[in-house]
Amino acid sequence: MSRIGKLPIAIPAGVTIDIKDNVITVKGPKGELKQALNPNIKVENVDGKITVERPDDNRESRAQHGLYRALINNMVVGVSEGFKKELEIIGVGYKAESKGQILELTLGYSHMIVMQMPPEVKVDAKTERNKAPLIILESCDKQLLGQICAKIRSFRKPEPYKGKGVKFVGEVIRRKSGKTAAAK
């Protein structure tokens, strides 16, 4: 049995779950999420807990057992608590500014990068004196949040020599020494 797949998912107060025609809908205070399910995977809501079961032990069923349990758990956590990611911009002249659902980035290119955020994602940009600008993203959908963070990071990935670029808060960048270190 999959260690992840066999764990039951506790349903917190204020969260409702509806399973119809291989589609699971999770509603909570932070929003509503839907996920299509594989017809082979059986999802049941019993006594305030969700259990995920598979029909047999073939490779595909085993893989999807843990996958769907993790997806449903992320949906439940997202609509009850939400997810939050922070990105840090390091570099002279690099800036971030949020205007409603629009994020404007100045990352050393000849033009400003303007990114329209989907309505499910809340964006905030903070700039404090003597600190790197921060982009704070919040959403109930973990997958969408991760995709948007990856897209923002791809505009200017951190480089290994000076560490300039867009990185996650707490991310460690492996630094390299330049030409001068090799000449000694």
N, C-alpha and C. Protein backbone atom coordinates (compact mmCIF):
# COMPACT_ATOMS: atom_id res chain seq x y z
N MET A 1 0.84 -1.20 0.00
CA MET A 1 0.00 0.00 0.00
C MET A 1 0.88 1.25 0.00
N SER A 2 0.38 2.26 -0.63
CA SER A 2 1.06 3.55 -0.65
C SER A 2 0.95 4.18 0.73
N ARG A 3 2.08 4.59 1.27
CA ARG A 3 2.05 5.21 2.60
C ARG A 3 1.26 6.51 2.59
N ILE A 4 1.42 7.28 1.53
CA ILE A 4 0.68 8.53 1.41
C ILE A 4 -0.79 8.25 1.12
N GLY A 5 -1.07 7.34 0.18
CA GLY A 5 -2.43 7.07 -0.27
C GLY A 5 -3.35 6.52 0.80
N LYS A 6 -2.82 5.75 1.74
CA LYS A 6 -3.70 5.13 2.74
C LYS A 6 -4.03 6.06 3.91
N LEU A 7 -3.38 7.21 4.02
CA LEU A 7 -3.69 8.14 5.11
C LEU A 7 -5.03 8.82 4.85
N PRO A 8 -5.91 8.85 5.85
CA PRO A 8 -7.19 9.56 5.67
C PRO A 8 -6.96 11.07 5.75
N ILE A 9 -7.83 11.83 5.08
CA ILE A 9 -7.74 13.29 5.08
C ILE A 9 -8.83 13.82 6.00
N ALA A 10 -8.44 14.54 7.04
CA ALA A 10 -9.41 15.13 7.97
C ALA A 10 -10.01 16.37 7.33
N ILE A 11 -11.33 16.53 7.47
CA ILE A 11 -12.01 17.69 6.91
C ILE A 11 -12.21 18.72 8.02
N PRO A 12 -11.58 19.91 7.91
CA PRO A 12 -11.74 20.93 8.94
C PRO A 12 -13.14 21.56 8.89
N ALA A 13 -13.49 22.27 9.95
CA ALA A 13 -14.80 22.93 10.03
C ALA A 13 -14.89 24.00 8.95
N GLY A 14 -16.06 24.13 8.34
CA GLY A 14 -16.28 25.14 7.30
C GLY A 14 -15.94 24.67 5.90
N VAL A 15 -15.48 23.42 5.76
CA VAL A 15 -15.13 22.89 4.44
C VAL A 15 -16.15 21.83 4.05
N THR A 16 -16.71 21.97 2.84
CA THR A 16 -17.66 20.98 2.34
C THR A 16 -17.08 20.30 1.11
N ILE A 17 -17.36 19.00 0.99
CA ILE A 17 -16.82 18.20 -0.10
C ILE A 17 -17.96 17.51 -0.82
N ASP A 18 -17.94 17.59 -2.16
CA ASP A 18 -18.97 17.00 -2.98
C ASP A 18 -18.30 16.15 -4.06
N ILE A 19 -18.68 14.86 -4.16
CA ILE A 19 -18.10 13.95 -5.14
C ILE A 19 -19.21 13.48 -6.07
N LYS A 20 -19.12 13.89 -7.36
CA LYS A 20 -20.12 13.50 -8.37
C LYS A 20 -19.43 13.27 -9.70
N ASP A 21 -19.78 12.17 -10.35
CA ASP A 21 -19.30 11.87 -11.71
C ASP A 21 -17.80 12.03 -11.87
N ASN A 22 -17.02 11.44 -10.97
CA ASN A 22 -15.55 11.49 -11.00
C ASN A 22 -14.99 12.91 -10.95
N VAL A 23 -15.71 13.82 -10.31
CA VAL A 23 -15.22 15.18 -10.07
C VAL A 23 -15.43 15.49 -8.60
N ILE A 24 -14.35 15.91 -7.93
CA ILE A 24 -14.46 16.28 -6.52
C ILE A 24 -14.43 17.80 -6.42
N THR A 25 -15.38 18.37 -5.66
CA THR A 25 -15.46 19.81 -5.44
C THR A 25 -15.26 20.08 -3.96
N VAL A 26 -14.32 20.96 -3.65
CA VAL A 26 -14.03 21.31 -2.26
C VAL A 26 -14.31 22.80 -2.10
N LYS A 27 -15.21 23.14 -1.15
CA LYS A 27 -15.55 24.55 -0.89
C LYS A 27 -15.16 24.88 0.54
N GLY A 28 -14.64 26.09 0.71
CA GLY A 28 -14.24 26.53 2.03
C GLY A 28 -14.23 28.05 2.11
N PRO A 29 -13.76 28.60 3.23
CA PRO A 29 -13.75 30.05 3.40
C PRO A 29 -12.83 30.80 2.42
N LYS A 30 -11.78 30.14 1.92
CA LYS A 30 -10.83 30.80 1.01
C LYS A 30 -11.18 30.64 -0.46
N GLY A 31 -12.16 29.76 -0.79
CA GLY A 31 -12.52 29.60 -2.20
C GLY A 31 -13.08 28.22 -2.49
N GLU A 32 -13.14 27.91 -3.79
CA GLU A 32 -13.68 26.65 -4.26
C GLU A 32 -12.75 26.06 -5.30
N LEU A 33 -12.45 24.75 -5.19
CA LEU A 33 -11.57 24.07 -6.13
C LEU A 33 -12.23 22.79 -6.63
N LYS A 34 -11.96 22.44 -7.90
CA LYS A 34 -12.49 21.22 -8.50
C LYS A 34 -11.33 20.41 -9.07
N GLN A 35 -11.48 19.09 -9.03
CA GLN A 35 -10.47 18.19 -9.58
C GLN A 35 -11.15 16.98 -10.20
N ALA A 36 -10.81 16.67 -11.43
CA ALA A 36 -11.33 15.46 -12.08
C ALA A 36 -10.56 14.26 -11.53
N LEU A 37 -11.27 13.17 -11.29
CA LEU A 37 -10.66 11.97 -10.73
C LEU A 37 -10.63 10.86 -11.77
N ASN A 38 -9.66 9.98 -11.64
CA ASN A 38 -9.60 8.79 -12.48
C ASN A 38 -10.73 7.86 -12.04
N PRO A 39 -11.48 7.28 -12.98
CA PRO A 39 -12.60 6.41 -12.58
C PRO A 39 -12.17 5.18 -11.78
N ASN A 40 -10.91 4.75 -11.90
CA ASN A 40 -10.43 3.59 -11.15
C ASN A 40 -10.22 3.89 -9.67
N ILE A 41 -9.93 5.13 -9.33
CA ILE A 41 -9.66 5.51 -7.95
C ILE A 41 -10.99 5.83 -7.26
N LYS A 42 -11.20 5.23 -6.09
CA LYS A 42 -12.45 5.38 -5.34
C LYS A 42 -12.22 6.33 -4.17
N VAL A 43 -13.00 7.42 -4.11
CA VAL A 43 -12.89 8.42 -3.05
C VAL A 43 -14.19 8.40 -2.26
N GLU A 44 -14.08 8.26 -0.93
CA GLU A 44 -15.27 8.22 -0.08
C GLU A 44 -15.13 9.21 1.06
N ASN A 45 -16.27 9.82 1.42
CA ASN A 45 -16.34 10.75 2.54
C ASN A 45 -17.09 10.04 3.67
N VAL A 46 -16.36 9.58 4.70
CA VAL A 46 -16.95 8.83 5.80
C VAL A 46 -16.58 9.46 7.13
N ASP A 47 -17.57 9.85 7.91
CA ASP A 47 -17.37 10.39 9.27
C ASP A 47 -16.38 11.56 9.32
N GLY A 48 -16.50 12.51 8.40
CA GLY A 48 -15.63 13.69 8.42
C GLY A 48 -14.21 13.43 7.96
N LYS A 49 -13.97 12.28 7.33
CA LYS A 49 -12.64 11.97 6.79
C LYS A 49 -12.80 11.44 5.37
N ILE A 50 -11.83 11.78 4.53
CA ILE A 50 -11.85 11.32 3.15
C ILE A 50 -10.84 10.19 3.03
N THR A 51 -11.26 9.09 2.43
CA THR A 51 -10.34 7.99 2.17
C THR A 51 -10.26 7.76 0.67
N VAL A 52 -9.05 7.41 0.21
CA VAL A 52 -8.80 7.14 -1.20
C VAL A 52 -8.38 5.68 -1.31
N GLU A 53 -9.05 4.93 -2.19
CA GLU A 53 -8.74 3.51 -2.37
C GLU A 53 -8.51 3.19 -3.84
N ARG A 54 -7.67 2.19 -4.09
CA ARG A 54 -7.39 1.76 -5.45
C ARG A 54 -7.93 0.35 -5.67
N PRO A 55 -8.24 0.00 -6.94
CA PRO A 55 -8.87 -1.30 -7.20
C PRO A 55 -7.89 -2.48 -7.16
N ASP A 56 -6.65 -2.27 -7.59
CA ASP A 56 -5.69 -3.37 -7.67
C ASP A 56 -4.29 -2.85 -7.40
N ASP A 57 -3.31 -3.73 -7.55
CA ASP A 57 -1.92 -3.36 -7.24
C ASP A 57 -1.05 -3.19 -8.48
N ASN A 58 -1.67 -2.89 -9.64
CA ASN A 58 -0.79 -2.66 -10.79
C ASN A 58 -0.14 -1.29 -10.69
N ARG A 59 0.90 -1.08 -11.46
CA ARG A 59 1.77 0.09 -11.32
C ARG A 59 1.01 1.42 -11.44
N GLU A 60 0.14 1.54 -12.43
CA GLU A 60 -0.58 2.79 -12.65
C GLU A 60 -1.52 3.11 -11.47
N SER A 61 -2.20 2.11 -10.96
CA SER A 61 -3.12 2.32 -9.83
C SER A 61 -2.35 2.75 -8.59
N ARG A 62 -1.19 2.14 -8.36
CA ARG A 62 -0.37 2.51 -7.19
C ARG A 62 0.09 3.95 -7.29
N ALA A 63 0.50 4.37 -8.49
CA ALA A 63 0.99 5.74 -8.69
C ALA A 63 -0.13 6.75 -8.47
N GLN A 64 -1.31 6.46 -9.00
CA GLN A 64 -2.41 7.41 -8.90
C GLN A 64 -3.04 7.44 -7.51
N HIS A 65 -2.88 6.38 -6.75
CA HIS A 65 -3.42 6.32 -5.39
C HIS A 65 -2.84 7.46 -4.54
N GLY A 66 -1.52 7.54 -4.49
CA GLY A 66 -0.86 8.59 -3.72
C GLY A 66 -1.06 9.98 -4.32
N LEU A 67 -1.08 10.04 -5.67
CA LEU A 67 -1.26 11.31 -6.36
C LEU A 67 -2.59 11.96 -6.00
N TYR A 68 -3.68 11.21 -6.15
CA TYR A 68 -5.00 11.80 -5.89
C TYR A 68 -5.21 12.11 -4.43
N ARG A 69 -4.62 11.32 -3.55
CA ARG A 69 -4.71 11.65 -2.12
C ARG A 69 -4.00 12.98 -1.84
N ALA A 70 -2.82 13.18 -2.42
CA ALA A 70 -2.07 14.42 -2.22
C ALA A 70 -2.80 15.61 -2.84
N LEU A 71 -3.38 15.43 -4.02
CA LEU A 71 -4.13 16.52 -4.66
C LEU A 71 -5.34 16.94 -3.83
N ILE A 72 -6.08 15.95 -3.32
CA ILE A 72 -7.26 16.25 -2.51
C ILE A 72 -6.85 16.92 -1.20
N ASN A 73 -5.77 16.45 -0.59
CA ASN A 73 -5.28 17.07 0.65
C ASN A 73 -4.88 18.52 0.40
N ASN A 74 -4.19 18.80 -0.72
CA ASN A 74 -3.81 20.18 -1.05
C ASN A 74 -5.03 21.06 -1.27
N MET A 75 -6.09 20.49 -1.85
CA MET A 75 -7.33 21.25 -2.05
C MET A 75 -7.96 21.60 -0.71
N VAL A 76 -8.02 20.64 0.21
CA VAL A 76 -8.62 20.87 1.53
C VAL A 76 -7.83 21.91 2.31
N VAL A 77 -6.50 21.79 2.31
CA VAL A 77 -5.65 22.77 3.01
C VAL A 77 -5.78 24.14 2.36
N GLY A 78 -5.84 24.18 1.03
CA GLY A 78 -5.93 25.46 0.30
C GLY A 78 -7.20 26.22 0.61
N VAL A 79 -8.36 25.56 0.61
CA VAL A 79 -9.62 26.29 0.85
C VAL A 79 -9.82 26.62 2.32
N SER A 80 -9.10 25.94 3.23
CA SER A 80 -9.25 26.24 4.66
C SER A 80 -8.19 27.24 5.14
N GLU A 81 -6.92 27.03 4.77
CA GLU A 81 -5.84 27.90 5.25
C GLU A 81 -5.24 28.76 4.14
N GLY A 82 -5.11 28.22 2.94
CA GLY A 82 -4.50 28.94 1.84
C GLY A 82 -3.00 28.69 1.79
N PHE A 83 -2.38 29.04 0.68
CA PHE A 83 -0.94 28.89 0.50
C PHE A 83 -0.32 30.26 0.24
N LYS A 84 0.94 30.41 0.67
CA LYS A 84 1.63 31.69 0.53
C LYS A 84 3.07 31.42 0.10
N LYS A 85 3.54 32.16 -0.91
CA LYS A 85 4.92 32.07 -1.36
C LYS A 85 5.50 33.47 -1.42
N GLU A 86 6.79 33.58 -1.08
CA GLU A 86 7.48 34.87 -1.11
C GLU A 86 8.69 34.77 -2.04
N LEU A 87 8.81 35.76 -2.93
CA LEU A 87 9.94 35.85 -3.84
C LEU A 87 10.72 37.11 -3.50
N GLU A 88 12.03 37.01 -3.61
CA GLU A 88 12.92 38.12 -3.28
C GLU A 88 13.67 38.53 -4.54
N ILE A 89 13.80 39.83 -4.77
CA ILE A 89 14.51 40.33 -5.95
C ILE A 89 15.83 40.95 -5.51
N ILE A 90 16.93 40.39 -6.01
CA ILE A 90 18.25 40.87 -5.61
C ILE A 90 18.96 41.43 -6.83
N GLY A 91 19.39 42.69 -6.73
CA GLY A 91 20.11 43.33 -7.82
C GLY A 91 19.91 44.83 -7.78
N VAL A 92 20.92 45.58 -8.18
CA VAL A 92 20.86 47.04 -8.17
C VAL A 92 19.87 47.49 -9.24
N GLY A 93 18.88 48.28 -8.83
CA GLY A 93 17.89 48.81 -9.76
C GLY A 93 16.74 47.87 -10.04
N TYR A 94 16.75 46.68 -9.48
CA TYR A 94 15.65 45.73 -9.69
C TYR A 94 14.50 46.12 -8.76
N LYS A 95 13.30 46.22 -9.33
CA LYS A 95 12.14 46.66 -8.55
C LYS A 95 10.92 45.81 -8.86
N ALA A 96 9.97 45.82 -7.93
CA ALA A 96 8.68 45.16 -8.13
C ALA A 96 7.60 46.09 -7.58
N GLU A 97 6.50 46.19 -8.32
CA GLU A 97 5.40 47.05 -7.91
C GLU A 97 4.09 46.36 -8.26
N SER A 98 3.14 46.36 -7.32
CA SER A 98 1.85 45.74 -7.61
C SER A 98 0.77 46.81 -7.63
N LYS A 99 -0.07 46.72 -8.66
CA LYS A 99 -1.21 47.63 -8.81
C LYS A 99 -2.44 46.76 -9.01
N GLY A 100 -3.10 46.41 -7.91
CA GLY A 100 -4.24 45.50 -7.99
C GLY A 100 -3.77 44.11 -8.37
N GLN A 101 -4.23 43.59 -9.49
CA GLN A 101 -3.85 42.26 -9.97
C GLN A 101 -2.73 42.32 -11.01
N ILE A 102 -2.10 43.48 -11.15
CA ILE A 102 -1.01 43.63 -12.12
C ILE A 102 0.31 43.78 -11.36
N LEU A 103 1.30 42.98 -11.77
CA LEU A 103 2.63 43.03 -11.18
C LEU A 103 3.60 43.61 -12.21
N GLU A 104 4.28 44.69 -11.84
CA GLU A 104 5.26 45.33 -12.73
C GLU A 104 6.65 45.06 -12.18
N LEU A 105 7.51 44.50 -13.02
CA LEU A 105 8.87 44.15 -12.62
C LEU A 105 9.89 44.90 -13.46
N THR A 106 10.89 45.46 -12.81
CA THR A 106 12.03 46.07 -13.48
C THR A 106 13.23 45.20 -13.13
N LEU A 107 13.73 44.44 -14.10
CA LEU A 107 14.78 43.45 -13.82
C LEU A 107 16.03 43.64 -14.68
N GLY A 108 16.31 44.88 -15.04
CA GLY A 108 17.54 45.16 -15.78
C GLY A 108 17.42 45.03 -17.27
N TYR A 109 16.24 44.79 -17.79
CA TYR A 109 16.04 44.74 -19.23
C TYR A 109 15.70 46.15 -19.73
N SER A 110 15.66 46.34 -21.05
CA SER A 110 15.35 47.65 -21.61
C SER A 110 13.89 48.02 -21.41
N HIS A 111 13.05 47.05 -21.04
CA HIS A 111 11.63 47.29 -20.86
C HIS A 111 11.17 46.74 -19.51
N MET A 112 10.06 47.24 -19.05
CA MET A 112 9.46 46.75 -17.82
C MET A 112 8.61 45.52 -18.14
N ILE A 113 8.61 44.53 -17.25
CA ILE A 113 7.80 43.33 -17.44
C ILE A 113 6.49 43.53 -16.67
N VAL A 114 5.37 43.42 -17.39
CA VAL A 114 4.05 43.59 -16.78
C VAL A 114 3.35 42.23 -16.83
N MET A 115 2.88 41.77 -15.67
CA MET A 115 2.25 40.46 -15.59
C MET A 115 0.87 40.58 -14.95
N GLN A 116 -0.16 40.12 -15.66
CA GLN A 116 -1.53 40.11 -15.15
C GLN A 116 -1.73 38.83 -14.35
N MET A 117 -2.15 38.96 -13.10
CA MET A 117 -2.37 37.80 -12.23
C MET A 117 -3.80 37.28 -12.40
N PRO A 118 -3.99 35.96 -12.31
CA PRO A 118 -5.35 35.42 -12.35
C PRO A 118 -6.13 35.85 -11.10
N PRO A 119 -7.46 35.85 -11.15
CA PRO A 119 -8.24 36.34 -10.00
C PRO A 119 -8.06 35.49 -8.74
N GLU A 120 -7.64 34.22 -8.88
CA GLU A 120 -7.47 33.36 -7.70
C GLU A 120 -6.22 33.71 -6.88
N VAL A 121 -5.30 34.47 -7.47
CA VAL A 121 -4.02 34.77 -6.81
C VAL A 121 -4.02 36.23 -6.36
N LYS A 122 -3.65 36.43 -5.09
CA LYS A 122 -3.53 37.77 -4.53
C LYS A 122 -2.04 38.12 -4.50
N VAL A 123 -1.70 39.27 -5.06
CA VAL A 123 -0.29 39.67 -5.16
C VAL A 123 -0.06 40.94 -4.37
N ASP A 124 1.13 41.02 -3.74
CA ASP A 124 1.53 42.20 -2.99
C ASP A 124 3.05 42.35 -3.14
N ALA A 125 3.51 43.56 -3.40
CA ALA A 125 4.94 43.82 -3.53
C ALA A 125 5.35 44.81 -2.44
N LYS A 126 6.40 44.47 -1.70
CA LYS A 126 6.89 45.33 -0.62
C LYS A 126 8.32 45.74 -0.91
N THR A 127 8.58 47.02 -0.74
CA THR A 127 9.93 47.54 -0.90
C THR A 127 10.28 48.32 0.35
N GLU A 128 11.27 47.84 1.09
CA GLU A 128 11.75 48.53 2.29
C GLU A 128 13.16 49.01 2.05
N ARG A 129 13.51 50.09 2.71
CA ARG A 129 14.85 50.67 2.57
C ARG A 129 15.91 49.69 3.07
N ASN A 130 17.00 49.53 2.31
CA ASN A 130 18.12 48.65 2.60
C ASN A 130 17.75 47.17 2.66
N LYS A 131 16.66 46.80 2.04
CA LYS A 131 16.25 45.39 1.94
C LYS A 131 15.85 45.09 0.51
N ALA A 132 15.96 43.83 0.15
CA ALA A 132 15.57 43.41 -1.21
C ALA A 132 14.05 43.48 -1.34
N PRO A 133 13.55 43.93 -2.50
CA PRO A 133 12.09 43.95 -2.71
C PRO A 133 11.50 42.55 -2.61
N LEU A 134 10.30 42.44 -2.03
CA LEU A 134 9.62 41.17 -1.85
C LEU A 134 8.34 41.13 -2.67
N ILE A 135 8.05 39.98 -3.24
CA ILE A 135 6.76 39.74 -3.90
C ILE A 135 6.08 38.65 -3.09
N ILE A 136 4.90 38.95 -2.55
CA ILE A 136 4.16 37.99 -1.74
C ILE A 136 2.93 37.56 -2.53
N LEU A 137 2.82 36.26 -2.78
CA LEU A 137 1.70 35.69 -3.53
C LEU A 137 0.91 34.75 -2.64
N GLU A 138 -0.43 34.89 -2.66
CA GLU A 138 -1.31 34.04 -1.85
C GLU A 138 -2.42 33.49 -2.73
N SER A 139 -2.78 32.21 -2.50
CA SER A 139 -3.84 31.57 -3.26
C SER A 139 -4.32 30.32 -2.54
N CYS A 140 -5.49 29.84 -2.92
CA CYS A 140 -5.98 28.57 -2.38
C CYS A 140 -5.54 27.41 -3.27
N ASP A 141 -5.10 27.69 -4.49
CA ASP A 141 -4.69 26.66 -5.45
C ASP A 141 -3.17 26.55 -5.46
N LYS A 142 -2.64 25.48 -4.88
CA LYS A 142 -1.20 25.29 -4.74
C LYS A 142 -0.51 25.16 -6.10
N GLN A 143 -1.13 24.44 -7.03
CA GLN A 143 -0.55 24.22 -8.35
C GLN A 143 -0.43 25.53 -9.13
N LEU A 144 -1.48 26.34 -9.14
CA LEU A 144 -1.47 27.61 -9.84
C LEU A 144 -0.44 28.56 -9.23
N LEU A 145 -0.37 28.58 -7.90
CA LEU A 145 0.59 29.43 -7.20
C LEU A 145 2.02 29.05 -7.57
N GLY A 146 2.32 27.77 -7.61
CA GLY A 146 3.65 27.31 -7.99
C GLY A 146 4.01 27.67 -9.42
N GLN A 147 3.04 27.56 -10.32
CA GLN A 147 3.27 27.91 -11.73
C GLN A 147 3.60 29.40 -11.88
N ILE A 148 2.86 30.24 -11.18
CA ILE A 148 3.08 31.69 -11.27
C ILE A 148 4.43 32.07 -10.68
N CYS A 149 4.79 31.46 -9.54
CA CYS A 149 6.10 31.72 -8.94
C CYS A 149 7.22 31.31 -9.88
N ALA A 150 7.07 30.16 -10.53
CA ALA A 150 8.09 29.69 -11.47
C ALA A 150 8.20 30.63 -12.67
N LYS A 151 7.07 31.15 -13.13
CA LYS A 151 7.07 32.08 -14.27
C LYS A 151 7.80 33.38 -13.89
N ILE A 152 7.50 33.93 -12.71
CA ILE A 152 8.16 35.16 -12.26
C ILE A 152 9.65 34.92 -12.10
N ARG A 153 10.03 33.78 -11.53
CA ARG A 153 11.45 33.46 -11.32
C ARG A 153 12.16 33.30 -12.66
N SER A 154 11.46 32.81 -13.69
CA SER A 154 12.09 32.58 -14.99
C SER A 154 12.45 33.87 -15.72
N PHE A 155 11.85 35.01 -15.32
CA PHE A 155 12.19 36.28 -15.96
C PHE A 155 13.65 36.65 -15.73
N ARG A 156 14.18 36.32 -14.54
CA ARG A 156 15.60 36.59 -14.24
C ARG A 156 16.02 35.61 -13.14
N LYS A 157 16.49 34.42 -13.57
CA LYS A 157 16.92 33.42 -12.59
C LYS A 157 18.17 33.90 -11.87
N PRO A 158 18.35 33.50 -10.61
CA PRO A 158 19.56 33.93 -9.88
C PRO A 158 20.82 33.36 -10.54
N GLU A 159 21.80 34.22 -10.73
CA GLU A 159 23.04 33.76 -11.35
C GLU A 159 24.08 33.46 -10.25
N PRO A 160 25.02 32.54 -10.52
CA PRO A 160 25.89 32.04 -9.46
C PRO A 160 27.06 32.95 -9.06
N TYR A 161 27.36 34.01 -9.81
CA TYR A 161 28.53 34.81 -9.51
C TYR A 161 28.23 35.94 -8.52
N LYS A 162 27.20 36.71 -8.77
CA LYS A 162 26.83 37.80 -7.84
C LYS A 162 25.55 37.49 -7.08
N GLY A 163 24.79 36.50 -7.53
CA GLY A 163 23.54 36.14 -6.87
C GLY A 163 22.37 37.00 -7.27
N LYS A 164 22.52 37.80 -8.35
CA LYS A 164 21.45 38.68 -8.79
C LYS A 164 20.33 37.89 -9.45
N GLY A 165 19.10 38.34 -9.24
CA GLY A 165 17.95 37.70 -9.88
C GLY A 165 16.78 37.56 -8.94
N VAL A 166 15.79 36.79 -9.35
CA VAL A 166 14.58 36.55 -8.56
C VAL A 166 14.71 35.17 -7.94
N LYS A 167 14.58 35.09 -6.60
CA LYS A 167 14.69 33.82 -5.91
C LYS A 167 13.63 33.72 -4.82
N PHE A 168 13.36 32.50 -4.38
CA PHE A 168 12.44 32.30 -3.26
C PHE A 168 13.12 32.72 -1.97
N VAL A 169 12.35 33.21 -1.01
CA VAL A 169 12.91 33.58 0.29
C VAL A 169 13.39 32.29 0.96
N GLY A 170 14.64 32.28 1.38
CA GLY A 170 15.22 31.10 2.01
C GLY A 170 15.94 30.18 1.05
N GLU A 171 15.82 30.41 -0.26
CA GLU A 171 16.50 29.58 -1.25
C GLU A 171 18.00 29.87 -1.20
N VAL A 172 18.81 28.82 -1.23
CA VAL A 172 20.25 28.97 -1.19
C VAL A 172 20.79 28.85 -2.60
N ILE A 173 21.54 29.87 -3.02
CA ILE A 173 22.13 29.90 -4.34
C ILE A 173 23.59 29.47 -4.21
N ARG A 174 23.99 28.43 -4.96
CA ARG A 174 25.39 28.01 -4.94
C ARG A 174 26.22 29.05 -5.67
N ARG A 175 27.17 29.64 -4.95
CA ARG A 175 27.98 30.71 -5.51
C ARG A 175 29.27 30.17 -6.08
N LYS A 176 29.75 30.83 -7.15
CA LYS A 176 31.03 30.47 -7.77
C LYS A 176 31.99 31.63 -7.61
N SER A 177 33.26 31.32 -7.54
CA SER A 177 34.25 32.40 -7.55
C SER A 177 34.55 32.76 -8.99
N GLY A 178 34.88 34.00 -9.24
CA GLY A 178 35.11 34.46 -10.59
C GLY A 178 36.47 34.14 -11.12
N LYS A 179 36.90 34.90 -12.15
CA LYS A 179 38.20 34.67 -12.79
C LYS A 179 39.36 34.95 -11.84
N THR A 180 39.18 35.92 -10.94
CA THR A 180 40.30 36.32 -10.08
C THR A 180 40.69 35.18 -9.12
N ALA A 181 39.77 34.36 -8.70
CA ALA A 181 40.08 33.27 -7.77
C ALA A 181 40.90 32.19 -8.49
N ALA A 182 40.68 31.98 -9.75
CA ALA A 182 41.39 30.95 -10.52
C ALA A 182 42.81 31.39 -10.86
N ALA A 183 43.08 32.71 -10.89
CA ALA A 183 44.39 33.22 -11.30
C ALA A 183 45.43 33.10 -10.20
N LYS A 184 45.03 32.94 -8.98
CA LYS A 184 46.01 32.92 -7.86
C LYS A 184 46.81 31.65 -7.79
